[in-house]
Amino acid sequence: SSLGQGPVLATPVQITAMINTIANEGIYKPPRLVQEIKPEGKGALRFFKPGPYRQVISPEVARPMKKLFEAAVKAGVGQQAYLSGYGSAGKTGSAQTGEQTAVVHAWFSGYAPRQKPKYVITVLAEGGKSGGETAAPVFREIMTALLKE
Protein backbone atom coordinates (compact mmCIF):
# COMPACT_ATOMS: atom_id res chain seq x y z
CA SER A 1 0.00 0.00 0.00
CA SER A 2 1.07 3.58 -0.36
CA LEU A 3 0.50 6.98 1.18
CA GLY A 4 -0.73 9.90 -0.80
CA GLN A 5 -3.10 12.60 -1.83
CA GLY A 6 -4.29 12.63 -5.41
CA PRO A 7 -1.43 11.92 -7.80
CA VAL A 8 1.23 11.83 -5.05
CA LEU A 9 1.83 8.27 -3.87
CA ALA A 10 4.61 6.89 -1.68
CA THR A 11 5.03 3.66 0.24
CA PRO A 12 5.94 3.73 3.95
CA VAL A 13 9.43 2.49 2.99
CA GLN A 14 9.82 5.40 0.54
CA ILE A 15 8.72 7.89 3.21
CA THR A 16 11.21 6.34 5.64
CA ALA A 17 14.00 6.65 3.05
CA MET A 18 13.12 10.31 2.45
CA ILE A 19 13.16 11.17 6.17
CA ASN A 20 16.42 9.24 6.59
CA THR A 21 18.01 11.18 3.72
CA ILE A 22 17.10 14.50 5.30
CA ALA A 23 18.23 13.33 8.76
CA ASN A 24 21.61 12.41 7.23
CA GLU A 25 22.30 15.83 5.68
CA GLY A 26 21.05 14.77 2.24
CA ILE A 27 22.88 11.44 2.03
CA TYR A 28 20.64 8.63 0.78
CA LYS A 29 21.20 5.43 2.72
CA PRO A 30 18.98 2.65 1.40
CA PRO A 31 16.69 1.20 4.08
CA ARG A 32 17.81 -2.08 5.61
CA LEU A 33 15.00 -4.57 5.67
CA VAL A 34 14.88 -7.49 8.06
CA GLN A 35 14.95 -10.80 6.21
CA GLU A 36 14.05 -12.96 9.18
CA ILE A 37 13.94 -12.96 12.97
CA LYS A 38 14.84 -16.10 14.85
CA PRO A 39 13.98 -16.85 18.46
CA GLU A 40 16.67 -16.06 21.01
CA GLY A 41 19.48 -18.60 20.88
CA LYS A 42 18.39 -19.89 17.46
CA GLY A 43 20.67 -17.75 15.28
CA ALA A 44 21.41 -14.14 14.48
CA LEU A 45 19.20 -11.64 12.72
CA ARG A 46 19.85 -11.41 9.01
CA PHE A 47 19.52 -8.24 7.01
CA PHE A 48 19.43 -7.57 3.31
CA LYS A 49 22.67 -5.78 2.44
CA PRO A 50 22.10 -2.06 1.87
CA GLY A 51 23.10 -0.46 -1.40
CA PRO A 52 25.70 2.30 -1.71
CA TYR A 53 25.27 5.67 0.04
CA ARG A 54 25.08 8.76 -2.13
CA GLN A 55 24.49 12.50 -1.75
CA VAL A 56 21.09 13.24 -3.32
CA ILE A 57 20.20 16.52 -1.60
CA SER A 58 22.69 19.20 -0.68
CA PRO A 59 23.29 19.74 3.05
CA GLU A 60 22.15 23.35 2.48
CA VAL A 61 18.71 22.03 1.49
CA ALA A 62 18.55 19.21 4.06
CA ARG A 63 19.38 21.35 7.12
CA PRO A 64 16.34 23.68 6.86
CA MET A 65 14.14 20.61 6.35
CA LYS A 66 15.56 19.13 9.56
CA LYS A 67 14.67 22.35 11.38
CA LEU A 68 11.09 22.09 10.11
CA PHE A 69 10.87 18.45 11.27
CA GLU A 70 12.24 19.47 14.68
CA ALA A 71 9.67 22.28 14.93
CA ALA A 72 6.83 19.89 14.07
CA VAL A 73 7.73 17.79 17.11
CA LYS A 74 8.73 20.61 19.44
CA ALA A 75 5.79 22.95 18.89
CA GLY A 76 3.62 21.56 16.09
CA VAL A 77 1.15 18.75 15.55
CA GLY A 78 3.82 16.09 16.12
CA GLN A 79 4.40 16.92 19.80
CA GLN A 80 3.32 13.46 20.92
CA ALA A 81 6.42 12.09 19.15
CA TYR A 82 8.77 14.08 21.40
CA LEU A 83 11.39 11.99 23.21
CA SER A 84 12.58 13.50 26.46
CA GLY A 85 16.34 13.22 26.87
CA TYR A 86 16.94 12.38 23.21
CA GLY A 87 14.93 14.80 21.15
CA SER A 88 13.23 13.73 17.96
CA ALA A 89 12.05 15.20 14.70
CA GLY A 90 9.55 14.18 12.07
CA LYS A 91 6.50 14.76 9.96
CA THR A 92 2.85 13.92 10.47
CA GLY A 93 0.55 13.18 7.62
CA SER A 94 -2.61 11.64 6.33
CA ALA A 95 -3.26 9.50 3.30
CA GLN A 96 -6.46 8.77 1.47
CA THR A 97 -7.10 5.25 0.28
CA GLY A 98 -8.17 6.32 -3.19
CA GLU A 99 -11.45 4.51 -2.73
CA GLN A 100 -14.83 6.22 -2.65
CA THR A 101 -14.99 5.92 1.14
CA ALA A 102 -13.84 8.70 3.42
CA VAL A 103 -11.24 6.48 5.14
CA VAL A 104 -8.06 8.38 5.88
CA HIS A 105 -4.90 6.77 7.21
CA ALA A 106 -2.72 8.66 9.69
CA TRP A 107 1.06 8.47 9.72
CA PHE A 108 4.14 9.82 11.40
CA SER A 109 7.68 9.43 10.16
CA GLY A 110 10.62 10.63 12.18
CA TYR A 111 14.06 10.08 13.62
CA ALA A 112 15.90 10.13 16.92
CA PRO A 113 18.06 11.15 18.62
CA ARG A 114 17.62 14.61 17.18
CA GLN A 115 21.32 15.59 17.24
CA LYS A 116 22.81 12.35 15.91
CA PRO A 117 20.00 10.33 14.32
CA LYS A 118 20.31 6.60 14.87
CA TYR A 119 16.87 5.30 13.87
CA VAL A 120 14.13 6.33 11.47
CA ILE A 121 10.63 4.94 11.94
CA THR A 122 7.44 5.40 9.96
CA VAL A 123 4.16 4.50 11.63
CA LEU A 124 1.07 4.08 9.47
CA ALA A 125 -2.21 3.83 11.41
CA GLU A 126 -4.94 2.64 9.07
CA GLY A 127 -8.11 4.56 9.78
CA GLY A 128 -6.27 6.65 12.38
CA LYS A 129 -7.62 9.99 13.54
CA SER A 130 -4.52 12.03 12.67
CA GLY A 131 -0.77 11.57 12.43
CA GLY A 132 -0.19 13.66 15.54
CA GLU A 133 -2.84 11.98 17.67
CA THR A 134 -2.67 8.38 16.45
CA ALA A 135 0.71 7.61 14.86
CA ALA A 136 3.06 9.95 16.77
CA PRO A 137 2.47 8.28 20.18
CA VAL A 138 3.21 4.87 18.61
CA PHE A 139 6.43 6.29 17.14
CA ARG A 140 7.41 7.59 20.60
CA GLU A 141 6.74 4.22 22.24
CA ILE A 142 8.74 2.23 19.68
CA MET A 143 11.61 4.73 19.53
CA THR A 144 11.85 4.92 23.33
CA ALA A 145 12.22 1.14 23.51
CA LEU A 146 14.88 1.13 20.76
CA LEU A 147 16.95 3.87 22.35
CA LYS A 148 16.91 2.21 25.78
CA GLU A 149 18.66 -0.89 24.38
C-alpha atoms as a PDB file:
ATOM      1  CA  SER A   1       0.000   0.000   0.000  1.00  0.00           C
ATOM      2  CA  SER A   2       1.070   3.577  -0.363  1.00  0.00           C
ATOM      3  CA  LEU A   3       0.500   6.984   1.183  1.00  0.00           C
ATOM      4  CA  GLY A   4      -0.727   9.902  -0.797  1.00  0.00           C
ATOM      5  CA  GLN A   5      -3.101  12.604  -1.828  1.00  0.00           C
ATOM      6  CA  GLY A   6      -4.294  12.634  -5.407  1.00  0.00           C
ATOM      7  CA  PRO A   7      -1.430  11.924  -7.801  1.00  0.00           C
ATOM      8  CA  VAL A   8       1.230  11.835  -5.048  1.00  0.00           C
ATOM      9  CA  LEU A   9       1.835   8.274  -3.868  1.00  0.00           C
ATOM     10  CA  ALA A  10       4.610   6.891  -1.680  1.00  0.00           C
ATOM     11  CA  THR A  11       5.029   3.663   0.245  1.00  0.00           C
ATOM     12  CA  PRO A  12       5.941   3.731   3.951  1.00  0.00           C
ATOM     13  CA  VAL A  13       9.432   2.495   2.992  1.00  0.00           C
ATOM     14  CA  GLN A  14       9.823   5.400   0.541  1.00  0.00           C
ATOM     15  CA  ILE A  15       8.719   7.895   3.207  1.00  0.00           C
ATOM     16  CA  THR A  16      11.213   6.344   5.637  1.00  0.00           C
ATOM     17  CA  ALA A  17      14.000   6.648   3.046  1.00  0.00           C
ATOM     18  CA  MET A  18      13.117  10.307   2.452  1.00  0.00           C
ATOM     19  CA  ILE A  19      13.157  11.165   6.169  1.00  0.00           C
ATOM     20  CA  ASN A  20      16.417   9.236   6.592  1.00  0.00           C
ATOM     21  CA  THR A  21      18.006  11.178   3.718  1.00  0.00           C
ATOM     22  CA  ILE A  22      17.097  14.497   5.302  1.00  0.00           C
ATOM     23  CA  ALA A  23      18.229  13.326   8.759  1.00  0.00           C
ATOM     24  CA  ASN A  24      21.613  12.411   7.234  1.00  0.00           C
ATOM     25  CA  GLU A  25      22.298  15.826   5.681  1.00  0.00           C
ATOM     26  CA  GLY A  26      21.047  14.766   2.245  1.00  0.00           C
ATOM     27  CA  ILE A  27      22.881  11.439   2.025  1.00  0.00           C
ATOM     28  CA  TYR A  28      20.637   8.634   0.784  1.00  0.00           C
ATOM     29  CA  LYS A  29      21.199   5.431   2.724  1.00  0.00           C
ATOM     30  CA  PRO A  30      18.976   2.646   1.404  1.00  0.00           C
ATOM     31  CA  PRO A  31      16.694   1.202   4.083  1.00  0.00           C
ATOM     32  CA  ARG A  32      17.807  -2.077   5.613  1.00  0.00           C
ATOM     33  CA  LEU A  33      14.997  -4.573   5.666  1.00  0.00           C
ATOM     34  CA  VAL A  34      14.880  -7.490   8.057  1.00  0.00           C
ATOM     35  CA  GLN A  35      14.947 -10.799   6.210  1.00  0.00           C
ATOM     36  CA  GLU A  36      14.055 -12.965   9.184  1.00  0.00           C
ATOM     37  CA  ILE A  37      13.937 -12.965  12.968  1.00  0.00           C
ATOM     38  CA  LYS A  38      14.841 -16.104  14.846  1.00  0.00           C
ATOM     39  CA  PRO A  39      13.975 -16.851  18.463  1.00  0.00           C
ATOM     40  CA  GLU A  40      16.674 -16.056  21.008  1.00  0.00           C
ATOM     41  CA  GLY A  41      19.484 -18.596  20.881  1.00  0.00           C
ATOM     42  CA  LYS A  42      18.393 -19.887  17.460  1.00  0.00           C
ATOM     43  CA  GLY A  43      20.673 -17.750  15.283  1.00  0.00           C
ATOM     44  CA  ALA A  44      21.408 -14.140  14.485  1.00  0.00           C
ATOM     45  CA  LEU A  45      19.200 -11.642  12.721  1.00  0.00           C
ATOM     46  CA  ARG A  46      19.855 -11.415   9.009  1.00  0.00           C
ATOM     47  CA  PHE A  47      19.519  -8.239   7.008  1.00  0.00           C
ATOM     48  CA  PHE A  48      19.433  -7.572   3.305  1.00  0.00           C
ATOM     49  CA  LYS A  49      22.666  -5.780   2.443  1.00  0.00           C
ATOM     50  CA  PRO A  50      22.098  -2.065   1.867  1.00  0.00           C
ATOM     51  CA  GLY A  51      23.098  -0.457  -1.399  1.00  0.00           C
ATOM     52  CA  PRO A  52      25.695   2.303  -1.705  1.00  0.00           C
ATOM     53  CA  TYR A  53      25.268   5.666   0.038  1.00  0.00           C
ATOM     54  CA  ARG A  54      25.082   8.765  -2.133  1.00  0.00           C
ATOM     55  CA  GLN A  55      24.487  12.502  -1.747  1.00  0.00           C
ATOM     56  CA  VAL A  56      21.088  13.238  -3.324  1.00  0.00           C
ATOM     57  CA  ILE A  57      20.195  16.518  -1.596  1.00  0.00           C
ATOM     58  CA  SER A  58      22.694  19.196  -0.679  1.00  0.00           C
ATOM     59  CA  PRO A  59      23.285  19.742   3.046  1.00  0.00           C
ATOM     60  CA  GLU A  60      22.150  23.347   2.482  1.00  0.00           C
ATOM     61  CA  VAL A  61      18.711  22.030   1.490  1.00  0.00           C
ATOM     62  CA  ALA A  62      18.551  19.205   4.060  1.00  0.00           C
ATOM     63  CA  ARG A  63      19.381  21.354   7.122  1.00  0.00           C
ATOM     64  CA  PRO A  64      16.344  23.681   6.856  1.00  0.00           C
ATOM     65  CA  MET A  65      14.144  20.607   6.354  1.00  0.00           C
ATOM     66  CA  LYS A  66      15.556  19.127   9.562  1.00  0.00           C
ATOM     67  CA  LYS A  67      14.670  22.354  11.383  1.00  0.00           C
ATOM     68  CA  LEU A  68      11.090  22.086  10.106  1.00  0.00           C
ATOM     69  CA  PHE A  69      10.870  18.454  11.266  1.00  0.00           C
ATOM     70  CA  GLU A  70      12.237  19.475  14.676  1.00  0.00           C
ATOM     71  CA  ALA A  71       9.674  22.283  14.929  1.00  0.00           C
ATOM     72  CA  ALA A  72       6.827  19.890  14.069  1.00  0.00           C
ATOM     73  CA  VAL A  73       7.726  17.786  17.110  1.00  0.00           C
ATOM     74  CA  LYS A  74       8.729  20.606  19.443  1.00  0.00           C
ATOM     75  CA  ALA A  75       5.787  22.952  18.888  1.00  0.00           C
ATOM     76  CA  GLY A  76       3.621  21.556  16.089  1.00  0.00           C
ATOM     77  CA  VAL A  77       1.155  18.749  15.546  1.00  0.00           C
ATOM     78  CA  GLY A  78       3.825  16.085  16.123  1.00  0.00           C
ATOM     79  CA  GLN A  79       4.395  16.924  19.797  1.00  0.00           C
ATOM     80  CA  GLN A  80       3.318  13.461  20.922  1.00  0.00           C
ATOM     81  CA  ALA A  81       6.419  12.091  19.152  1.00  0.00           C
ATOM     82  CA  TYR A  82       8.774  14.078  21.401  1.00  0.00           C
ATOM     83  CA  LEU A  83      11.390  11.994  23.213  1.00  0.00           C
ATOM     84  CA  SER A  84      12.579  13.503  26.464  1.00  0.00           C
ATOM     85  CA  GLY A  85      16.337  13.223  26.874  1.00  0.00           C
ATOM     86  CA  TYR A  86      16.940  12.375  23.215  1.00  0.00           C
ATOM     87  CA  GLY A  87      14.934  14.796  21.154  1.00  0.00           C
ATOM     88  CA  SER A  88      13.231  13.731  17.960  1.00  0.00           C
ATOM     89  CA  ALA A  89      12.052  15.195  14.697  1.00  0.00           C
ATOM     90  CA  GLY A  90       9.548  14.183  12.074  1.00  0.00           C
ATOM     91  CA  LYS A  91       6.501  14.757   9.958  1.00  0.00           C
ATOM     92  CA  THR A  92       2.853  13.923  10.474  1.00  0.00           C
ATOM     93  CA  GLY A  93       0.552  13.185   7.616  1.00  0.00           C
ATOM     94  CA  SER A  94      -2.609  11.637   6.328  1.00  0.00           C
ATOM     95  CA  ALA A  95      -3.264   9.501   3.298  1.00  0.00           C
ATOM     96  CA  GLN A  96      -6.461   8.772   1.467  1.00  0.00           C
ATOM     97  CA  THR A  97      -7.103   5.246   0.280  1.00  0.00           C
ATOM     98  CA  GLY A  98      -8.171   6.324  -3.189  1.00  0.00           C
ATOM     99  CA  GLU A  99     -11.454   4.515  -2.734  1.00  0.00           C
ATOM    100  CA  GLN A 100     -14.831   6.220  -2.651  1.00  0.00           C
ATOM    101  CA  THR A 101     -14.989   5.916   1.143  1.00  0.00           C
ATOM    102  CA  ALA A 102     -13.835   8.697   3.416  1.00  0.00           C
ATOM    103  CA  VAL A 103     -11.242   6.484   5.141  1.00  0.00           C
ATOM    104  CA  VAL A 104      -8.058   8.380   5.883  1.00  0.00           C
ATOM    105  CA  HIS A 105      -4.897   6.772   7.211  1.00  0.00           C
ATOM    106  CA  ALA A 106      -2.720   8.656   9.688  1.00  0.00           C
ATOM    107  CA  TRP A 107       1.056   8.470   9.717  1.00  0.00           C
ATOM    108  CA  PHE A 108       4.139   9.823  11.403  1.00  0.00           C
ATOM    109  CA  SER A 109       7.682   9.429  10.158  1.00  0.00           C
ATOM    110  CA  GLY A 110      10.616  10.626  12.183  1.00  0.00           C
ATOM    111  CA  TYR A 111      14.056  10.081  13.622  1.00  0.00           C
ATOM    112  CA  ALA A 112      15.897  10.130  16.925  1.00  0.00           C
ATOM    113  CA  PRO A 113      18.057  11.146  18.624  1.00  0.00           C
ATOM    114  CA  ARG A 114      17.616  14.609  17.184  1.00  0.00           C
ATOM    115  CA  GLN A 115      21.316  15.590  17.245  1.00  0.00           C
ATOM    116  CA  LYS A 116      22.809  12.348  15.908  1.00  0.00           C
ATOM    117  CA  PRO A 117      19.997  10.330  14.323  1.00  0.00           C
ATOM    118  CA  LYS A 118      20.312   6.600  14.873  1.00  0.00           C
ATOM    119  CA  TYR A 119      16.872   5.301  13.871  1.00  0.00           C
ATOM    120  CA  VAL A 120      14.128   6.334  11.467  1.00  0.00           C
ATOM    121  CA  ILE A 121      10.633   4.939  11.943  1.00  0.00           C
ATOM    122  CA  THR A 122       7.444   5.399   9.962  1.00  0.00           C
ATOM    123  CA  VAL A 123       4.156   4.503  11.634  1.00  0.00           C
ATOM    124  CA  LEU A 124       1.066   4.076   9.471  1.00  0.00           C
ATOM    125  CA  ALA A 125      -2.206   3.829  11.406  1.00  0.00           C
ATOM    126  CA  GLU A 126      -4.940   2.636   9.073  1.00  0.00           C
ATOM    127  CA  GLY A 127      -8.113   4.558   9.784  1.00  0.00           C
ATOM    128  CA  GLY A 128      -6.273   6.648  12.383  1.00  0.00           C
ATOM    129  CA  LYS A 129      -7.622   9.987  13.541  1.00  0.00           C
ATOM    130  CA  SER A 130      -4.521  12.030  12.672  1.00  0.00           C
ATOM    131  CA  GLY A 131      -0.771  11.574  12.428  1.00  0.00           C
ATOM    132  CA  GLY A 132      -0.193  13.662  15.538  1.00  0.00           C
ATOM    133  CA  GLU A 133      -2.842  11.976  17.671  1.00  0.00           C
ATOM    134  CA  THR A 134      -2.675   8.379  16.450  1.00  0.00           C
ATOM    135  CA  ALA A 135       0.707   7.610  14.864  1.00  0.00           C
ATOM    136  CA  ALA A 136       3.062   9.954  16.775  1.00  0.00           C
ATOM    137  CA  PRO A 137       2.473   8.277  20.178  1.00  0.00           C
ATOM    138  CA  VAL A 138       3.213   4.871  18.613  1.00  0.00           C
ATOM    139  CA  PHE A 139       6.433   6.286  17.140  1.00  0.00           C
ATOM    140  CA  ARG A 140       7.408   7.591  20.600  1.00  0.00           C
ATOM    141  CA  GLU A 141       6.739   4.221  22.245  1.00  0.00           C
ATOM    142  CA  ILE A 142       8.745   2.230  19.683  1.00  0.00           C
ATOM    143  CA  MET A 143      11.614   4.725  19.533  1.00  0.00           C
ATOM    144  CA  THR A 144      11.849   4.921  23.329  1.00  0.00           C
ATOM    145  CA  ALA A 145      12.219   1.138  23.508  1.00  0.00           C
ATOM    146  CA  LEU A 146      14.877   1.130  20.758  1.00  0.00           C
ATOM    147  CA  LEU A 147      16.950   3.869  22.348  1.00  0.00           C
ATOM    148  CA  LYS A 148      16.908   2.206  25.783  1.00  0.00           C
ATOM    149  CA  GLU A 149      18.657  -0.894  24.385  1.00  0.00           C
END
